Amino acid sequence: MRTFYALNFVVCFFVFIFASKLHNQALLTTKHIKIMAQFKVHNLIIVDASGSMTSIYEQALAGINETLSTIREEAKKSDKIEQSVTVLSFASGGEPLQYAYRNTIAEQTSPLTPNDYTLRGMTALYDAIGISVTDLEKSKGKEDKVLVTIITDGYENDSIEWDGASVKKLIDRLCKKGWVFTYIGANQDAALEAGKIGVKNSLTFEASIEGTVNMFAFEKQSRQRWNKRVRLNENDIQNDYFSDDDK
């Protein structure tokens, strides 16, 4: 009788171990499927770092950090969407392009410091767009979404590798693939300048302390609304990025 009970105990023990392994394997499989179902939203922020930004430097830095915070908040709203961040400041001179973040998961970002965003030189806008967008295209997955934000307080005046025509050709091609581009400009007709390079979403702001603060607040609301459209899987997420409803 003791032998029977002992044998029965051993059998039950191994059945329990086997069942536990199957359960754990099922969890791993489910987790794997969940991860594979996710896609990324690539947030590429291209910001002017030329000398003319001096008068609004503090507000620009604070605004970039507010944008990073917004992206981190959006990352928490869906476990099916991963938010990725690239922050590039551009000017000209010895180091025309400076990456503060490059294809970094949003949760791994933290506020920029003055060392991450330094003003220098002139406005090599076309090089910044062409180089960073081409670089991002290499890492974009088939189902990923891309939101490119361009912020400048002046006109292109110092690019070497790219010109307006080549940038427009690049943007036109990627817009056909669903990429979203926005252009935020001061001291200019932003809609006109954006149109020259194929960008349909534009916003003009006043290059003052108050104007810069208001611009970033408006951009935040627009970004939140756009991400909601992505979560709802709306068909058209390329147009009407900036809406009067966000003002």
Protein backbone atom coordinates (compact mmCIF):
# COMPACT_ATOMS: atom_id res chain seq x y z
CA MET A 1 0.00 0.00 0.00
CA ARG A 2 2.82 2.40 0.88
CA THR A 3 4.45 1.59 -2.42
CA PHE A 4 1.21 2.39 -4.23
CA TYR A 5 0.85 5.78 -2.51
CA ALA A 6 4.50 6.58 -3.13
CA LEU A 7 4.18 5.68 -6.79
CA ASN A 8 0.98 7.71 -7.07
CA PHE A 9 2.73 10.70 -5.50
CA VAL A 10 5.63 10.45 -7.93
CA VAL A 11 3.27 10.25 -10.91
CA CYS A 12 1.26 13.27 -9.71
CA PHE A 13 4.46 15.20 -9.10
CA PHE A 14 5.73 14.66 -12.63
CA VAL A 15 2.31 15.43 -14.10
CA PHE A 16 2.35 18.72 -12.17
CA ILE A 17 5.84 19.57 -13.43
CA PHE A 18 4.90 18.75 -17.00
CA ALA A 19 1.71 20.82 -16.80
CA SER A 20 3.64 23.75 -15.36
CA LYS A 21 6.10 23.63 -18.23
CA LEU A 22 3.28 23.60 -20.75
CA HIS A 23 1.67 26.58 -19.02
CA ASN A 24 4.92 28.53 -19.01
CA GLN A 25 5.53 27.69 -22.64
CA ALA A 26 2.05 28.94 -23.49
CA LEU A 27 2.76 32.21 -21.70
CA LEU A 28 6.02 32.61 -23.56
CA THR A 29 4.32 31.90 -26.85
CA THR A 30 1.58 34.42 -26.10
CA LYS A 31 4.14 37.01 -25.09
CA HIS A 32 6.12 36.35 -28.26
CA ILE A 33 3.04 36.79 -30.42
CA LYS A 34 2.20 40.04 -28.64
CA ILE A 35 5.66 41.46 -29.24
CA MET A 36 5.62 40.43 -32.88
CA ALA A 37 2.27 42.20 -33.34
CA GLN A 38 3.65 45.55 -32.23
CA PHE A 39 4.82 48.30 -34.57
CA LYS A 40 6.83 51.44 -34.03
CA VAL A 41 6.05 55.10 -34.33
CA HIS A 42 9.31 56.78 -35.31
CA ASN A 43 9.44 60.36 -34.04
CA LEU A 44 12.13 62.30 -35.90
CA ILE A 45 12.60 65.83 -34.54
CA ILE A 46 14.86 68.08 -36.62
CA VAL A 47 15.51 71.36 -34.81
CA ASP A 48 17.42 74.47 -35.86
CA ALA A 49 20.58 75.14 -33.84
CA SER A 50 21.92 78.08 -35.82
CA GLY A 51 23.01 81.25 -34.07
CA SER A 52 19.74 83.04 -34.81
CA MET A 53 17.99 80.79 -32.26
CA THR A 54 19.82 82.56 -29.42
CA SER A 55 16.90 84.80 -28.45
CA ILE A 56 14.57 81.82 -27.93
CA TYR A 57 17.14 79.21 -26.91
CA GLU A 58 15.79 78.47 -23.42
CA GLN A 59 12.23 78.16 -24.67
CA ALA A 60 13.32 75.94 -27.55
CA LEU A 61 15.20 73.60 -25.23
CA ALA A 62 12.26 73.46 -22.83
CA GLY A 63 9.92 72.84 -25.75
CA ILE A 64 11.98 69.94 -27.05
CA ASN A 65 11.94 68.40 -23.58
CA GLU A 66 8.18 68.88 -23.39
CA THR A 67 7.87 67.08 -26.71
CA LEU A 68 9.97 64.19 -25.40
CA SER A 69 7.73 64.02 -22.34
CA THR A 70 4.66 63.92 -24.58
CA ILE A 71 6.10 61.05 -26.59
CA ARG A 72 6.83 59.12 -23.39
CA GLU A 73 3.24 59.70 -22.28
CA GLU A 74 1.93 58.45 -25.61
CA ALA A 75 4.06 55.31 -25.28
CA LYS A 76 2.09 54.39 -22.13
CA LYS A 77 -1.27 54.55 -23.89
CA SER A 78 -0.85 51.41 -25.99
CA ASP A 79 1.14 48.24 -25.45
CA LYS A 80 0.81 47.50 -29.17
CA ILE A 81 2.75 50.58 -30.28
CA GLU A 82 6.38 51.30 -29.49
CA GLN A 83 7.49 54.93 -29.64
CA SER A 84 11.00 55.58 -30.98
CA VAL A 85 12.78 58.94 -30.81
CA THR A 86 15.45 60.66 -32.88
CA VAL A 87 16.39 64.24 -32.00
CA LEU A 88 18.74 66.03 -34.38
CA SER A 89 19.92 69.62 -34.08
CA PHE A 90 21.45 71.19 -37.16
CA ALA A 91 23.58 74.19 -38.09
CA SER A 92 26.86 74.36 -40.01
CA GLY A 93 30.56 74.40 -39.27
CA GLY A 94 32.69 71.73 -37.61
CA GLU A 95 29.78 69.54 -36.46
CA PRO A 96 26.71 70.54 -38.46
CA LEU A 97 24.53 67.66 -37.26
CA GLN A 98 24.27 66.61 -33.62
CA TYR A 99 22.14 63.67 -32.51
CA ALA A 100 20.85 63.88 -28.94
CA TYR A 101 18.94 60.63 -29.50
CA ARG A 102 19.04 58.27 -32.43
CA ASN A 103 16.30 55.66 -32.86
CA THR A 104 15.97 55.43 -29.07
CA ILE A 105 13.00 53.85 -27.29
CA ALA A 106 10.94 56.66 -25.74
CA GLU A 107 11.07 55.21 -22.22
CA GLN A 108 14.87 55.37 -22.35
CA THR A 109 14.96 59.11 -23.03
CA SER A 110 15.42 61.88 -20.48
CA PRO A 111 15.39 65.69 -20.70
CA LEU A 112 18.07 67.27 -22.86
CA THR A 113 20.68 69.50 -21.27
CA PRO A 114 22.43 72.52 -22.82
CA ASN A 115 25.24 70.14 -23.78
CA ASP A 116 22.80 68.22 -25.96
CA TYR A 117 21.56 71.29 -27.81
CA THR A 118 24.25 73.83 -28.63
CA LEU A 119 23.88 76.76 -31.01
CA ARG A 120 26.43 77.22 -33.77
CA GLY A 121 26.85 78.39 -37.33
CA MET A 122 24.29 78.88 -40.06
CA THR A 123 21.20 77.03 -41.32
CA ALA A 124 22.05 73.80 -43.16
CA LEU A 125 18.40 72.78 -43.25
CA TYR A 126 18.38 70.66 -46.40
CA ASP A 127 21.36 68.59 -45.31
CA ALA A 128 19.71 67.94 -41.95
CA ILE A 129 16.49 66.73 -43.55
CA GLY A 130 18.11 64.68 -46.30
CA ILE A 131 20.70 62.96 -44.12
CA SER A 132 18.47 62.18 -41.12
CA VAL A 133 15.46 61.04 -43.14
CA THR A 134 17.58 58.79 -45.35
CA ASP A 135 19.19 57.31 -42.24
CA LEU A 136 15.81 56.67 -40.59
CA GLU A 137 14.44 54.98 -43.69
CA LYS A 138 17.02 52.21 -43.25
CA SER A 139 15.63 51.21 -39.84
CA LYS A 140 11.90 51.61 -40.52
CA GLY A 141 9.84 48.43 -40.42
CA LYS A 142 7.17 47.70 -43.01
CA GLU A 143 4.24 48.45 -40.68
CA ASP A 144 5.90 51.30 -38.79
CA LYS A 145 4.61 54.87 -38.80
CA VAL A 146 6.90 57.90 -39.14
CA LEU A 147 6.33 61.45 -37.92
CA VAL A 148 9.01 63.95 -38.98
CA THR A 149 8.94 67.36 -37.26
CA ILE A 150 11.07 70.19 -38.70
CA ILE A 151 11.56 73.32 -36.58
CA THR A 152 13.48 76.35 -37.85
CA ASP A 153 13.54 80.11 -37.37
CA GLY A 154 15.19 80.90 -40.67
CA TYR A 155 15.83 79.96 -44.26
CA GLU A 156 18.18 77.36 -45.70
CA ASN A 157 21.56 78.98 -46.38
CA ASP A 158 24.43 76.54 -45.90
CA SER A 159 23.74 72.96 -47.06
CA ILE A 160 26.40 71.12 -49.03
CA GLU A 161 25.05 67.65 -49.88
CA TRP A 162 21.34 68.34 -50.44
CA ASP A 163 19.33 71.03 -52.20
CA GLY A 164 15.64 71.87 -52.23
CA ALA A 165 14.86 69.77 -55.30
CA SER A 166 16.49 66.61 -53.94
CA VAL A 167 14.81 67.03 -50.53
CA LYS A 168 11.42 67.47 -52.19
CA LYS A 169 11.96 64.37 -54.29
CA LEU A 170 12.81 62.41 -51.13
CA ILE A 171 9.79 63.69 -49.20
CA ASP A 172 7.41 63.13 -52.12
CA ARG A 173 8.56 59.52 -52.38
CA LEU A 174 8.17 58.84 -48.66
CA CYS A 175 4.79 60.56 -48.41
CA LYS A 176 3.53 58.00 -50.92
CA LYS A 177 4.61 55.37 -48.37
CA GLY A 178 2.63 57.00 -45.58
CA TRP A 179 5.30 59.10 -43.88
CA VAL A 180 4.07 62.26 -42.15
CA PHE A 181 6.07 65.49 -42.34
CA THR A 182 5.42 68.74 -40.48
CA TYR A 183 7.22 72.06 -40.88
CA ILE A 184 7.26 74.70 -38.13
CA GLY A 185 8.90 77.98 -39.13
CA ALA A 186 9.44 81.49 -37.74
CA ASN A 187 10.31 84.70 -39.59
CA GLN A 188 8.89 83.29 -42.82
CA ASP A 189 5.79 82.08 -44.60
CA ALA A 190 5.96 78.52 -43.26
CA ALA A 191 3.32 77.20 -45.64
CA LEU A 192 5.23 78.55 -48.63
CA GLU A 193 8.60 77.21 -47.48
CA ALA A 194 7.11 73.85 -46.52
CA GLY A 195 5.46 73.54 -49.91
CA LYS A 196 8.78 74.04 -51.67
CA ILE A 197 10.02 70.74 -50.20
CA GLY A 198 6.74 68.83 -50.40
CA VAL A 199 5.56 69.22 -46.80
CA LYS A 200 1.79 69.72 -46.47
CA ASN A 201 1.51 70.30 -42.72
CA SER A 202 2.93 73.66 -41.66
CA LEU A 203 2.79 76.09 -38.77
CA THR A 204 4.15 79.62 -38.47
CA PHE A 205 5.25 80.96 -35.09
CA GLU A 206 6.65 84.20 -33.75
CA ALA A 207 10.32 83.93 -32.78
CA SER A 208 9.76 85.39 -29.32
CA ILE A 209 9.64 83.89 -25.85
CA GLU A 210 5.84 83.86 -25.78
CA GLY A 211 5.54 82.80 -29.41
CA THR A 212 7.88 79.83 -28.94
CA VAL A 213 6.11 78.67 -25.77
CA ASN A 214 2.73 78.86 -27.50
CA MET A 215 4.06 77.02 -30.55
CA PHE A 216 5.30 74.05 -28.53
CA ALA A 217 2.02 73.91 -26.58
CA PHE A 218 0.11 73.82 -29.87
CA GLU A 219 2.45 71.16 -31.27
CA LYS A 220 1.89 69.03 -28.17
CA GLN A 221 -1.87 69.02 -28.66
CA SER A 222 -1.45 68.23 -32.35
CA ARG A 223 0.92 65.35 -31.56
CA GLN A 224 -1.47 63.89 -28.99
CA ARG A 225 -4.37 64.09 -31.44
CA TRP A 226 -2.28 62.51 -34.22
CA ASN A 227 -1.23 59.61 -31.97
CA LYS A 228 -4.88 59.01 -31.09
CA ARG A 229 -5.62 58.72 -34.81
CA VAL A 230 -2.82 56.15 -35.08
CA ARG A 231 -4.22 54.13 -32.16
CA LEU A 232 -7.67 54.20 -33.76
CA ASN A 233 -6.08 52.95 -36.99
CA GLU A 234 -7.54 55.78 -39.06
CA ASN A 235 -6.84 55.56 -42.77
CA ASP A 236 -5.68 59.15 -43.27
CA ILE A 237 -3.07 60.27 -40.75
CA GLN A 238 -1.03 62.37 -43.17
CA ASN A 239 -3.24 65.44 -43.46
CA ASP A 240 -4.54 68.07 -41.04
CA TYR A 241 -1.83 67.50 -38.44
CA PHE A 242 -2.29 71.06 -37.20
CA SER A 243 -5.92 71.87 -36.47
CA ASP A 244 -7.63 75.00 -35.21
CA ASP A 245 -9.31 72.71 -32.69
CA ASP A 246 -5.94 72.41 -30.92
CA LYS A 247 -5.60 76.16 -30.38
